[in-house]
Amino acid sequence: MDTIKNYLETMFANMPNTPEVMRAKSELYGMMEDKYNELISQGKSENEAVGTVISEFGNLDELSDILGLNNNYSAPVDNRRMLSMDEVKSYISAYSKYSFLIALGVFLCIVSPVCAIVGEMLNTIFSENIGVAFMLLIIAVAVGLFIISGMSLSKYDHISKKQCIIDYSTSIYVQNEKQRMSPVFAIYTTIGVMLCVVSVIPPIIIEAVGMEEIVDLGGACVLFIVAIGVLLLVYQGNANTVYKRLLSLNSNNTIAGGYADPQNKEVVYINDTAATVMSVFWPTVTCIYLSISFLTFCWFITWILWPIAGIVHAILKSLLKK
């Protein structure tokens, strides 16, 4: 069936992305699939079945009346830039590095208060000042990572800001890469969520054994464990975006983009900074919520953070999206 699918994509590669053409493509694929299954049930080999299906349904001119297609669809003009396979591979690699830098920056922002906590535990003015200084230094490094990450993608601005398209072989490569990385991203998500959940264990243990002198260390452990979990969540969330973005390129004008599902379409923001802010919004809210809740144990109050964050997210999304 893969051969039939590939041939079908080639037949409709230059067709406009109209409801009529989409319907015709779906109907033709159904006819091809039924015929293929019928031939296989009759004892035909796969090659014989594929050859028969293509010879019978492989001419759009002959099927245009049956499918309700207008012959004017045969040669549309597509002025979008075609991205090469090498360019797509380079973009995926660059986006992976970008995602890691963003995730690392978020990690540093979350763990930065640990320096102040440790400085306060030493109970001297010098250690407290040093702790605060290191906290500010780590935050500065995180901001620098955010800036560098945005600049690293600047040479690929045409992909997100201009009309581009990828050919069928490239789209298949992107689909395969997405499927290959899906288990990895699933593991990152699982570990990230688990770390956020178990981060409360250290302060519980410290309180249970009555070690009051290092009770603040429990809060530091919470921040560090949550930071690792959020790092994994932010990285997989950003890295997975590149595949959706590339697969959605073809869905604008021509049915050659039929290889992209509608769910792959993403919200496009006014610039990379806005996209970065929105991509780390919910992981950051989660970190803040868990940190405050575990440090104060005021769960009956801290839940209010979620509806407030939802309102803020909706406002930001309406203001920052194109």
C-alpha atoms as a PDB file:
ATOM      1  CA  MET A   1       0.000   0.000   0.000  1.00  0.00           C
ATOM      2  CA  ASP A   2       2.926   2.366   0.502  1.00  0.00           C
ATOM      3  CA  THR A   3       3.627   2.297  -3.224  1.00  0.00           C
ATOM      4  CA  ILE A   4       0.023   3.210  -3.955  1.00  0.00           C
ATOM      5  CA  LYS A   5       0.120   6.023  -1.416  1.00  0.00           C
ATOM      6  CA  ASN A   6       3.317   7.390  -2.929  1.00  0.00           C
ATOM      7  CA  TYR A   7       1.852   7.229  -6.421  1.00  0.00           C
ATOM      8  CA  LEU A   8      -1.321   8.963  -5.230  1.00  0.00           C
ATOM      9  CA  GLU A   9       0.727  11.787  -3.689  1.00  0.00           C
ATOM     10  CA  THR A  10       2.573  12.204  -6.982  1.00  0.00           C
ATOM     11  CA  MET A  11      -0.717  12.366  -8.910  1.00  0.00           C
ATOM     12  CA  PHE A  12      -2.032  15.173  -6.690  1.00  0.00           C
ATOM     13  CA  ALA A  13       1.312  16.907  -6.053  1.00  0.00           C
ATOM     14  CA  ASN A  14       0.408  20.050  -8.015  1.00  0.00           C
ATOM     15  CA  MET A  15      -3.274  20.199  -7.198  1.00  0.00           C
ATOM     16  CA  PRO A  16      -4.657  23.130  -5.163  1.00  0.00           C
ATOM     17  CA  ASN A  17      -5.674  22.498  -1.588  1.00  0.00           C
ATOM     18  CA  THR A  18      -9.419  22.961  -2.094  1.00  0.00           C
ATOM     19  CA  PRO A  19     -12.208  20.941  -0.441  1.00  0.00           C
ATOM     20  CA  GLU A  20     -13.138  19.457  -3.826  1.00  0.00           C
ATOM     21  CA  VAL A  21      -9.607  18.215  -4.489  1.00  0.00           C
ATOM     22  CA  MET A  22      -9.219  16.890  -0.955  1.00  0.00           C
ATOM     23  CA  ARG A  23     -12.492  15.002  -1.324  1.00  0.00           C
ATOM     24  CA  ALA A  24     -11.447  13.623  -4.714  1.00  0.00           C
ATOM     25  CA  LYS A  25      -8.106  12.478  -3.342  1.00  0.00           C
ATOM     26  CA  SER A  26      -9.782  10.716  -0.428  1.00  0.00           C
ATOM     27  CA  GLU A  27     -12.291   9.027  -2.711  1.00  0.00           C
ATOM     28  CA  LEU A  28      -9.609   7.884  -5.134  1.00  0.00           C
ATOM     29  CA  TYR A  29      -7.515   6.446  -2.336  1.00  0.00           C
ATOM     30  CA  GLY A  30     -10.552   4.549  -1.070  1.00  0.00           C
ATOM     31  CA  MET A  31     -11.156   3.138  -4.549  1.00  0.00           C
ATOM     32  CA  MET A  32      -7.502   2.129  -4.868  1.00  0.00           C
ATOM     33  CA  GLU A  33      -7.483   0.513  -1.445  1.00  0.00           C
ATOM     34  CA  ASP A  34     -10.658  -1.468  -2.136  1.00  0.00           C
ATOM     35  CA  LYS A  35      -9.316  -2.711  -5.463  1.00  0.00           C
ATOM     36  CA  TYR A  36      -5.976  -3.639  -3.904  1.00  0.00           C
ATOM     37  CA  ASN A  37      -7.634  -5.634  -1.111  1.00  0.00           C
ATOM     38  CA  GLU A  38      -9.898  -7.336  -3.633  1.00  0.00           C
ATOM     39  CA  LEU A  39      -6.948  -8.435  -5.754  1.00  0.00           C
ATOM     40  CA  ILE A  40      -5.004  -9.671  -2.718  1.00  0.00           C
ATOM     41  CA  SER A  41      -8.033 -11.719  -1.607  1.00  0.00           C
ATOM     42  CA  GLN A  42      -8.102 -13.286  -5.079  1.00  0.00           C
ATOM     43  CA  GLY A  43      -4.583 -14.576  -4.576  1.00  0.00           C
ATOM     44  CA  LYS A  44      -2.675 -11.919  -6.517  1.00  0.00           C
ATOM     45  CA  SER A  45       0.801 -11.013  -5.326  1.00  0.00           C
ATOM     46  CA  GLU A  46       1.456  -7.571  -3.893  1.00  0.00           C
ATOM     47  CA  ASN A  47       3.341  -6.434  -6.997  1.00  0.00           C
ATOM     48  CA  GLU A  48       0.571  -7.664  -9.291  1.00  0.00           C
ATOM     49  CA  ALA A  49      -2.090  -5.952  -7.180  1.00  0.00           C
ATOM     50  CA  VAL A  50      -0.190  -2.662  -7.097  1.00  0.00           C
ATOM     51  CA  GLY A  51       0.448  -2.743 -10.842  1.00  0.00           C
ATOM     52  CA  THR A  52      -3.214  -3.426 -11.593  1.00  0.00           C
ATOM     53  CA  VAL A  53      -4.431  -0.653  -9.260  1.00  0.00           C
ATOM     54  CA  ILE A  54      -2.055   1.909 -10.761  1.00  0.00           C
ATOM     55  CA  SER A  55      -2.936   0.953 -14.328  1.00  0.00           C
ATOM     56  CA  GLU A  56      -6.648   1.169 -13.555  1.00  0.00           C
ATOM     57  CA  PHE A  57      -6.722   4.314 -11.420  1.00  0.00           C
ATOM     58  CA  GLY A  58      -3.483   6.037 -12.385  1.00  0.00           C
ATOM     59  CA  ASN A  59      -4.818   8.584 -14.873  1.00  0.00           C
ATOM     60  CA  LEU A  60      -6.500  11.664 -13.422  1.00  0.00           C
ATOM     61  CA  ASP A  61      -7.706  12.829 -16.835  1.00  0.00           C
ATOM     62  CA  GLU A  62      -9.778   9.679 -17.218  1.00  0.00           C
ATOM     63  CA  LEU A  63     -11.087   9.865 -13.647  1.00  0.00           C
ATOM     64  CA  SER A  64     -11.791  13.603 -13.520  1.00  0.00           C
ATOM     65  CA  ASP A  65     -15.490  13.215 -14.351  1.00  0.00           C
ATOM     66  CA  ILE A  66     -15.987  10.420 -11.823  1.00  0.00           C
ATOM     67  CA  LEU A  67     -14.207  12.375  -9.105  1.00  0.00           C
ATOM     68  CA  GLY A  68     -15.822  15.672 -10.024  1.00  0.00           C
ATOM     69  CA  LEU A  69     -12.523  17.379 -10.806  1.00  0.00           C
ATOM     70  CA  ASN A  70     -12.152  20.331 -13.100  1.00  0.00           C
ATOM     71  CA  ASN A  71      -9.313  20.033 -15.609  1.00  0.00           C
ATOM     72  CA  ASN A  72      -8.278  23.590 -14.728  1.00  0.00           C
ATOM     73  CA  TYR A  73      -6.754  22.150 -11.567  1.00  0.00           C
ATOM     74  CA  SER A  74      -3.989  20.439 -13.444  1.00  0.00           C
ATOM     75  CA  ALA A  75      -1.372  23.193 -13.520  1.00  0.00           C
ATOM     76  CA  PRO A  76      -1.573  25.640 -10.641  1.00  0.00           C
ATOM     77  CA  VAL A  77       1.201  28.136 -10.023  1.00  0.00           C
ATOM     78  CA  ASP A  78       3.127  27.702  -6.797  1.00  0.00           C
ATOM     79  CA  ASN A  79       5.615  30.476  -6.020  1.00  0.00           C
ATOM     80  CA  ARG A  80       6.670  29.124  -2.653  1.00  0.00           C
ATOM     81  CA  ARG A  81      10.334  28.378  -2.056  1.00  0.00           C
ATOM     82  CA  MET A  82      11.247  24.683  -2.141  1.00  0.00           C
ATOM     83  CA  LEU A  83      13.376  23.647   0.833  1.00  0.00           C
ATOM     84  CA  SER A  84      16.087  21.120   0.059  1.00  0.00           C
ATOM     85  CA  MET A  85      16.645  17.963   2.072  1.00  0.00           C
ATOM     86  CA  ASP A  86      19.986  19.271   3.395  1.00  0.00           C
ATOM     87  CA  GLU A  87      18.368  22.534   4.451  1.00  0.00           C
ATOM     88  CA  VAL A  88      15.638  20.688   6.332  1.00  0.00           C
ATOM     89  CA  LYS A  89      18.170  18.440   8.083  1.00  0.00           C
ATOM     90  CA  SER A  90      20.220  21.483   9.070  1.00  0.00           C
ATOM     91  CA  TYR A  91      17.102  23.234  10.382  1.00  0.00           C
ATOM     92  CA  ILE A  92      16.108  20.223  12.490  1.00  0.00           C
ATOM     93  CA  SER A  93      19.626  20.040  13.973  1.00  0.00           C
ATOM     94  CA  ALA A  94      19.690  23.782  14.708  1.00  0.00           C
ATOM     95  CA  TYR A  95      16.237  23.635  16.289  1.00  0.00           C
ATOM     96  CA  SER A  96      17.345  20.791  18.538  1.00  0.00           C
ATOM     97  CA  LYS A  97      20.251  22.919  19.805  1.00  0.00           C
ATOM     98  CA  TYR A  98      17.902  25.883  20.189  1.00  0.00           C
ATOM     99  CA  SER A  99      15.507  23.740  22.247  1.00  0.00           C
ATOM    100  CA  PHE A 100      18.321  22.565  24.517  1.00  0.00           C
ATOM    101  CA  LEU A 101      19.559  26.121  25.131  1.00  0.00           C
ATOM    102  CA  ILE A 102      16.029  27.252  26.019  1.00  0.00           C
ATOM    103  CA  ALA A 103      15.572  24.275  28.350  1.00  0.00           C
ATOM    104  CA  LEU A 104      18.966  24.897  29.974  1.00  0.00           C
ATOM    105  CA  GLY A 105      18.094  28.557  30.485  1.00  0.00           C
ATOM    106  CA  VAL A 106      14.843  27.618  32.219  1.00  0.00           C
ATOM    107  CA  PHE A 107      16.751  25.089  34.340  1.00  0.00           C
ATOM    108  CA  LEU A 108      19.210  27.760  35.485  1.00  0.00           C
ATOM    109  CA  CYS A 109      16.402  30.191  36.329  1.00  0.00           C
ATOM    110  CA  ILE A 110      14.728  27.576  38.516  1.00  0.00           C
ATOM    111  CA  VAL A 111      17.866  26.463  40.384  1.00  0.00           C
ATOM    112  CA  SER A 112      19.252  29.972  40.857  1.00  0.00           C
ATOM    113  CA  PRO A 113      17.540  30.450  44.292  1.00  0.00           C
ATOM    114  CA  VAL A 114      19.448  27.388  45.555  1.00  0.00           C
ATOM    115  CA  CYS A 115      22.563  29.574  45.850  1.00  0.00           C
ATOM    116  CA  ALA A 116      20.730  32.026  48.084  1.00  0.00           C
ATOM    117  CA  ILE A 117      19.272  29.183  50.153  1.00  0.00           C
ATOM    118  CA  VAL A 118      22.693  27.598  50.720  1.00  0.00           C
ATOM    119  CA  GLY A 119      24.190  31.001  51.556  1.00  0.00           C
ATOM    120  CA  GLU A 120      21.478  31.593  54.124  1.00  0.00           C
ATOM    121  CA  MET A 121      22.046  28.154  55.659  1.00  0.00           C
ATOM    122  CA  LEU A 122      25.689  29.056  56.379  1.00  0.00           C
ATOM    123  CA  ASN A 123      24.278  31.894  58.484  1.00  0.00           C
ATOM    124  CA  THR A 124      26.882  34.559  57.777  1.00  0.00           C
ATOM    125  CA  ILE A 125      26.471  37.896  56.046  1.00  0.00           C
ATOM    126  CA  PHE A 126      29.296  37.066  53.652  1.00  0.00           C
ATOM    127  CA  SER A 127      27.804  33.719  52.620  1.00  0.00           C
ATOM    128  CA  GLU A 128      24.350  35.280  52.159  1.00  0.00           C
ATOM    129  CA  ASN A 129      25.771  38.018  49.923  1.00  0.00           C
ATOM    130  CA  ILE A 130      27.805  35.497  47.923  1.00  0.00           C
ATOM    131  CA  GLY A 131      24.695  33.332  47.544  1.00  0.00           C
ATOM    132  CA  VAL A 132      22.636  36.225  46.196  1.00  0.00           C
ATOM    133  CA  ALA A 133      25.478  37.243  43.874  1.00  0.00           C
ATOM    134  CA  PHE A 134      25.711  33.741  42.424  1.00  0.00           C
ATOM    135  CA  MET A 135      21.931  33.647  42.026  1.00  0.00           C
ATOM    136  CA  LEU A 136      22.001  36.848  39.957  1.00  0.00           C
ATOM    137  CA  LEU A 137      24.973  35.538  37.950  1.00  0.00           C
ATOM    138  CA  ILE A 138      23.134  32.319  37.096  1.00  0.00           C
ATOM    139  CA  ILE A 139      20.053  34.285  36.034  1.00  0.00           C
ATOM    140  CA  ALA A 140      22.257  36.460  33.824  1.00  0.00           C
ATOM    141  CA  VAL A 141      23.712  33.335  32.191  1.00  0.00           C
ATOM    142  CA  ALA A 142      20.185  32.019  31.614  1.00  0.00           C
ATOM    143  CA  VAL A 143      19.147  35.276  29.914  1.00  0.00           C
ATOM    144  CA  GLY A 144      22.268  35.045  27.755  1.00  0.00           C
ATOM    145  CA  LEU A 145      21.276  31.522  26.706  1.00  0.00           C
ATOM    146  CA  PHE A 146      17.813  32.768  25.715  1.00  0.00           C
ATOM    147  CA  ILE A 147      19.383  35.465  23.533  1.00  0.00           C
ATOM    148  CA  ILE A 148      21.908  33.103  21.952  1.00  0.00           C
ATOM    149  CA  SER A 149      19.209  30.528  21.230  1.00  0.00           C
ATOM    150  CA  GLY A 150      17.102  33.091  19.395  1.00  0.00           C
ATOM    151  CA  MET A 151      20.080  34.269  17.351  1.00  0.00           C
ATOM    152  CA  SER A 152      21.023  30.697  16.425  1.00  0.00           C
ATOM    153  CA  LEU A 153      17.795  30.351  14.417  1.00  0.00           C
ATOM    154  CA  SER A 154      17.979  33.744  12.724  1.00  0.00           C
ATOM    155  CA  LYS A 155      19.306  32.317   9.444  1.00  0.00           C
ATOM    156  CA  TYR A 156      16.211  30.116   9.211  1.00  0.00           C
ATOM    157  CA  ASP A 157      13.747  32.985   9.555  1.00  0.00           C
ATOM    158  CA  HIS A 158      12.548  32.403   5.997  1.00  0.00           C
ATOM    159  CA  ILE A 159      11.034  29.069   7.050  1.00  0.00           C
ATOM    160  CA  SER A 160       8.725  30.661   9.598  1.00  0.00           C
ATOM    161  CA  LYS A 161       8.242  34.080   7.994  1.00  0.00           C
ATOM    162  CA  LYS A 162       8.062  33.307   4.273  1.00  0.00           C
ATOM    163  CA  GLN A 163       6.075  30.843   2.194  1.00  0.00           C
ATOM    164  CA  CYS A 164       8.033  27.615   1.786  1.00  0.00           C
ATOM    165  CA  ILE A 165       7.276  24.077   0.703  1.00  0.00           C
ATOM    166  CA  ILE A 166       8.945  20.674   0.949  1.00  0.00           C
ATOM    167  CA  ASP A 167       8.805  17.870  -1.588  1.00  0.00           C
ATOM    168  CA  TYR A 168       7.382  14.449  -0.943  1.00  0.00           C
ATOM    169  CA  SER A 169      10.672  12.687  -0.154  1.00  0.00           C
ATOM    170  CA  THR A 170      11.602  15.405   2.325  1.00  0.00           C
ATOM    171  CA  SER A 171       8.220  15.216   4.015  1.00  0.00           C
ATOM    172  CA  ILE A 172       8.632  11.444   4.353  1.00  0.00           C
ATOM    173  CA  TYR A 173      12.035  12.035   5.972  1.00  0.00           C
ATOM    174  CA  VAL A 174      10.487  14.500   8.443  1.00  0.00           C
ATOM    175  CA  GLN A 175       7.657  12.069   9.218  1.00  0.00           C
ATOM    176  CA  ASN A 176      10.155   9.264   9.851  1.00  0.00           C
ATOM    177  CA  GLU A 177      12.277  11.491  12.083  1.00  0.00           C
ATOM    178  CA  LYS A 178       9.189  12.511  14.029  1.00  0.00           C
ATOM    179  CA  GLN A 179       8.210   8.871  14.529  1.00  0.00           C
ATOM    180  CA  ARG A 180      11.784   7.951  15.476  1.00  0.00           C
ATOM    181  CA  MET A 181      11.958  10.652  18.134  1.00  0.00           C
ATOM    182  CA  SER A 182       8.443  10.113  19.505  1.00  0.00           C
ATOM    183  CA  PRO A 183       9.494   7.364  21.965  1.00  0.00           C
ATOM    184  CA  VAL A 184      12.412   9.501  23.133  1.00  0.00           C
ATOM    185  CA  PHE A 185      10.162  12.507  23.714  1.00  0.00           C
ATOM    186  CA  ALA A 186       7.669  10.274  25.512  1.00  0.00           C
ATOM    187  CA  ILE A 187      10.421   9.099  27.867  1.00  0.00           C
ATOM    188  CA  TYR A 188      11.518  12.699  28.505  1.00  0.00           C
ATOM    189  CA  THR A 189       7.933  13.678  29.285  1.00  0.00           C
ATOM    190  CA  THR A 190       7.430  10.732  31.621  1.00  0.00           C
ATOM    191  CA  ILE A 191      10.679  11.317  33.514  1.00  0.00           C
ATOM    192  CA  GLY A 192      10.011  15.065  33.681  1.00  0.00           C
ATOM    193  CA  VAL A 193       6.563  14.598  35.195  1.00  0.00           C
ATOM    194  CA  MET A 194       7.830  11.922  37.601  1.00  0.00           C
ATOM    195  CA  LEU A 195      10.623  14.203  38.829  1.00  0.00           C
ATOM    196  CA  CYS A 196       8.169  17.025  39.459  1.00  0.00           C
ATOM    197  CA  VAL A 197       5.962  14.657  41.460  1.00  0.00           C
ATOM    198  CA  VAL A 198       8.722  13.064  43.579  1.00  0.00           C
ATOM    199  CA  SER A 199      10.536  16.352  44.202  1.00  0.00           C
ATOM    200  CA  VAL A 200       8.641  16.710  47.492  1.00  0.00           C
ATOM    201  CA  ILE A 201      10.275  13.579  48.940  1.00  0.00           C
ATOM    202  CA  PRO A 202      13.543  15.193  50.212  1.00  0.00           C
ATOM    203  CA  PRO A 203      11.847  17.785  52.471  1.00  0.00           C
ATOM    204  CA  ILE A 204       9.458  15.110  53.741  1.00  0.00           C
ATOM    205  CA  ILE A 205      12.379  12.867  54.697  1.00  0.00           C
ATOM    206  CA  ILE A 206      14.287  15.742  56.309  1.00  0.00           C
ATOM    207  CA  GLU A 207      11.241  16.720  58.357  1.00  0.00           C
ATOM    208  CA  ALA A 208      10.512  13.106  59.287  1.00  0.00           C
ATOM    209  CA  VAL A 209      13.982  12.518  60.732  1.00  0.00           C
ATOM    210  CA  GLY A 210      13.843  15.817  62.628  1.00  0.00           C
ATOM    211  CA  MET A 211      16.870  17.462  61.034  1.00  0.00           C
ATOM    212  CA  GLU A 212      15.649  21.014  61.567  1.00  0.00           C
ATOM    213  CA  GLU A 213      19.082  22.525  60.973  1.00  0.00           C
ATOM    214  CA  ILE A 214      19.005  21.572  57.285  1.00  0.00           C
ATOM    215  CA  VAL A 215      15.280  22.016  56.645  1.00  0.00           C
ATOM    216  CA  ASP A 216      16.064  24.702  54.051  1.00  0.00           C
ATOM    217  CA  LEU A 217      18.092  22.123  52.153  1.00  0.00           C
ATOM    218  CA  GLY A 218      14.853  20.299  51.459  1.00  0.00           C
ATOM    219  CA  GLY A 219      13.533  23.331  49.599  1.00  0.00           C
ATOM    220  CA  ALA A 220      16.746  23.523  47.612  1.00  0.00           C
ATOM    221  CA  CYS A 221      16.384  19.861  46.660  1.00  0.00           C
ATOM    222  CA  VAL A 222      12.815  20.503  45.518  1.00  0.00           C
ATOM    223  CA  LEU A 223      13.959  23.290  43.224  1.00  0.00           C
ATOM    224  CA  PHE A 224      16.827  21.231  41.800  1.00  0.00           C
ATOM    225  CA  ILE A 225      14.722  18.135  41.093  1.00  0.00           C
ATOM    226  CA  VAL A 226      11.889  20.180  39.612  1.00  0.00           C
ATOM    227  CA  ALA A 227      14.419  22.060  37.474  1.00  0.00           C
ATOM    228  CA  ILE A 228      15.648  18.795  35.933  1.00  0.00           C
ATOM    229  CA  GLY A 229      12.088  17.698  35.254  1.00  0.00           C
ATOM    230  CA  VAL A 230      11.147  21.007  33.670  1.00  0.00           C
ATOM    231  CA  LEU A 231      14.342  20.934  31.572  1.00  0.00           C
ATOM    232  CA  LEU A 232      13.219  17.629  30.040  1.00  0.00           C
ATOM    233  CA  LEU A 233       9.667  18.872  29.508  1.00  0.00           C
ATOM    234  CA  VAL A 234      10.725  22.133  27.890  1.00  0.00           C
ATOM    235  CA  TYR A 235      13.291  20.440  25.662  1.00  0.00           C
ATOM    236  CA  GLN A 236      10.939  17.798  24.305  1.00  0.00           C
ATOM    237  CA  GLY A 237       8.156  20.338  23.843  1.00  0.00           C
ATOM    238  CA  ASN A 238      10.329  22.661  21.776  1.00  0.00           C
ATOM    239  CA  ALA A 239      12.199  19.961  19.863  1.00  0.00           C
ATOM    240  CA  ASN A 240       8.937  18.305  18.829  1.00  0.00           C
ATOM    241  CA  THR A 241       7.679  21.613  17.408  1.00  0.00           C
ATOM    242  CA  VAL A 242      10.115  21.577  14.489  1.00  0.00           C
ATOM    243  CA  TYR A 243       8.491  18.502  12.938  1.00  0.00           C
ATOM    244  CA  LYS A 244       5.010  19.998  13.186  1.00  0.00           C
ATOM    245  CA  ARG A 245       6.251  23.241  11.668  1.00  0.00           C
ATOM    246  CA  LEU A 246       7.899  21.534   8.707  1.00  0.00           C
ATOM    247  CA  LEU A 247       4.957  19.229   8.049  1.00  0.00           C
ATOM    248  CA  SER A 248       2.548  22.156   8.141  1.00  0.00           C
ATOM    249  CA  LEU A 249       4.415  24.063   5.418  1.00  0.00           C
ATOM    250  CA  ASN A 250       2.683  22.209   2.613  1.00  0.00           C
ATOM    251  CA  SER A 251      -0.807  22.660   3.984  1.00  0.00           C
ATOM    252  CA  ASN A 252      -1.194  26.262   2.828  1.00  0.00           C
ATOM    253  CA  ASN A 253      -1.950  26.116  -0.883  1.00  0.00           C
ATOM    254  CA  THR A 254      -1.433  22.762  -2.544  1.00  0.00           C
ATOM    255  CA  ILE A 255      -2.521  19.269  -1.796  1.00  0.00           C
ATOM    256  CA  ALA A 256       1.073  18.152  -2.017  1.00  0.00           C
ATOM    257  CA  GLY A 257       0.933  18.945   1.652  1.00  0.00           C
ATOM    258  CA  GLY A 258      -1.574  16.216   2.206  1.00  0.00           C
ATOM    259  CA  TYR A 259       1.141  14.402   4.116  1.00  0.00           C
ATOM    260  CA  ALA A 260       0.615  16.911   6.969  1.00  0.00           C
ATOM    261  CA  ASP A 261      -2.293  16.303   9.309  1.00  0.00           C
ATOM    262  CA  PRO A 262      -4.427  19.306  10.358  1.00  0.00           C
ATOM    263  CA  GLN A 263      -3.307  18.838  13.965  1.00  0.00           C
ATOM    264  CA  ASN A 264       0.246  19.643  12.891  1.00  0.00           C
ATOM    265  CA  LYS A 265      -0.741  23.257  12.346  1.00  0.00           C
ATOM    266  CA  GLU A 266       0.650  25.484  15.064  1.00  0.00           C
ATOM    267  CA  VAL A 267       0.063  28.992  16.272  1.00  0.00           C
ATOM    268  CA  VAL A 268       2.472  31.408  14.592  1.00  0.00           C
ATOM    269  CA  TYR A 269       3.746  34.228  16.805  1.00  0.00           C
ATOM    270  CA  ILE A 270       5.004  37.665  15.812  1.00  0.00           C
ATOM    271  CA  ASN A 271       8.691  36.767  16.420  1.00  0.00           C
ATOM    272  CA  ASP A 272      10.990  34.109  17.887  1.00  0.00           C
ATOM    273  CA  THR A 273      11.084  35.792  21.286  1.00  0.00           C
ATOM    274  CA  ALA A 274       7.307  35.610  21.569  1.00  0.00           C
ATOM    275  CA  ALA A 275       7.349  31.967  20.497  1.00  0.00           C
ATOM    276  CA  THR A 276      10.014  31.205  23.103  1.00  0.00           C
ATOM    277  CA  VAL A 277       8.054  32.942  25.862  1.00  0.00           C
ATOM    278  CA  MET A 278       4.908  30.992  25.012  1.00  0.00           C
ATOM    279  CA  SER A 279       6.758  27.683  24.725  1.00  0.00           C
ATOM    280  CA  VAL A 280       8.137  27.934  28.275  1.00  0.00           C
ATOM    281  CA  PHE A 281       5.025  29.518  29.815  1.00  0.00           C
ATOM    282  CA  TRP A 282       3.327  26.397  31.201  1.00  0.00           C
ATOM    283  CA  PRO A 283       6.516  24.626  32.335  1.00  0.00           C
ATOM    284  CA  THR A 284       7.465  27.806  34.199  1.00  0.00           C
ATOM    285  CA  VAL A 285       4.009  28.053  35.781  1.00  0.00           C
ATOM    286  CA  THR A 286       4.281  24.399  36.813  1.00  0.00           C
ATOM    287  CA  CYS A 287       7.665  25.040  38.385  1.00  0.00           C
ATOM    288  CA  ILE A 288       6.392  28.081  40.287  1.00  0.00           C
ATOM    289  CA  TYR A 289       3.309  26.215  41.455  1.00  0.00           C
ATOM    290  CA  LEU A 290       5.251  23.196  42.710  1.00  0.00           C
ATOM    291  CA  SER A 291       7.970  25.284  44.318  1.00  0.00           C
ATOM    292  CA  ILE A 292       5.528  27.496  46.223  1.00  0.00           C
ATOM    293  CA  SER A 293       3.290  24.586  47.175  1.00  0.00           C
ATOM    294  CA  PHE A 294       6.087  22.351  48.427  1.00  0.00           C
ATOM    295  CA  LEU A 295       7.818  25.146  50.322  1.00  0.00           C
ATOM    296  CA  THR A 296       4.661  26.486  51.974  1.00  0.00           C
ATOM    297  CA  PHE A 297       2.401  23.397  51.894  1.00  0.00           C
ATOM    298  CA  CYS A 298      -0.502  25.787  51.312  1.00  0.00           C
ATOM    299  CA  TRP A 299      -2.086  23.622  48.618  1.00  0.00           C
ATOM    300  CA  PHE A 300      -5.537  24.966  49.465  1.00  0.00           C
ATOM    301  CA  ILE A 301      -4.395  28.418  48.280  1.00  0.00           C
ATOM    302  CA  THR A 302      -1.750  27.795  45.615  1.00  0.00           C
ATOM    303  CA  TRP A 303      -4.243  26.145  43.222  1.00  0.00           C
ATOM    304  CA  ILE A 304      -5.488  29.656  42.392  1.00  0.00           C
ATOM    305  CA  LEU A 305      -2.295  30.050  40.359  1.00  0.00           C
ATOM    306  CA  TRP A 306      -3.721  27.845  37.567  1.00  0.00           C
ATOM    307  CA  PRO A 307      -6.818  29.885  36.642  1.00  0.00           C
ATOM    308  CA  ILE A 308      -4.745  33.073  36.869  1.00  0.00           C
ATOM    309  CA  ALA A 309      -2.095  31.529  34.602  1.00  0.00           C
ATOM    310  CA  GLY A 310      -4.808  30.418  32.169  1.00  0.00           C
ATOM    311  CA  ILE A 311      -6.120  33.968  31.864  1.00  0.00           C
ATOM    312  CA  VAL A 312      -2.612  35.375  31.433  1.00  0.00           C
ATOM    313  CA  HIS A 313      -1.810  32.738  28.787  1.00  0.00           C
ATOM    314  CA  ALA A 314      -4.949  33.566  26.797  1.00  0.00           C
ATOM    315  CA  ILE A 315      -4.134  37.298  26.904  1.00  0.00           C
ATOM    316  CA  LEU A 316      -0.516  36.755  25.858  1.00  0.00           C
ATOM    317  CA  LYS A 317      -1.532  34.389  23.070  1.00  0.00           C
ATOM    318  CA  SER A 318      -4.015  36.898  21.624  1.00  0.00           C
ATOM    319  CA  LEU A 319      -1.444  39.694  21.798  1.00  0.00           C
ATOM    320  CA  LEU A 320       1.589  37.795  20.482  1.00  0.00           C
ATOM    321  CA  LYS A 321       0.186  35.580  17.738  1.00  0.00           C
ATOM    322  CA  LYS A 322       0.098  36.729  14.118  1.00  0.00           C
END
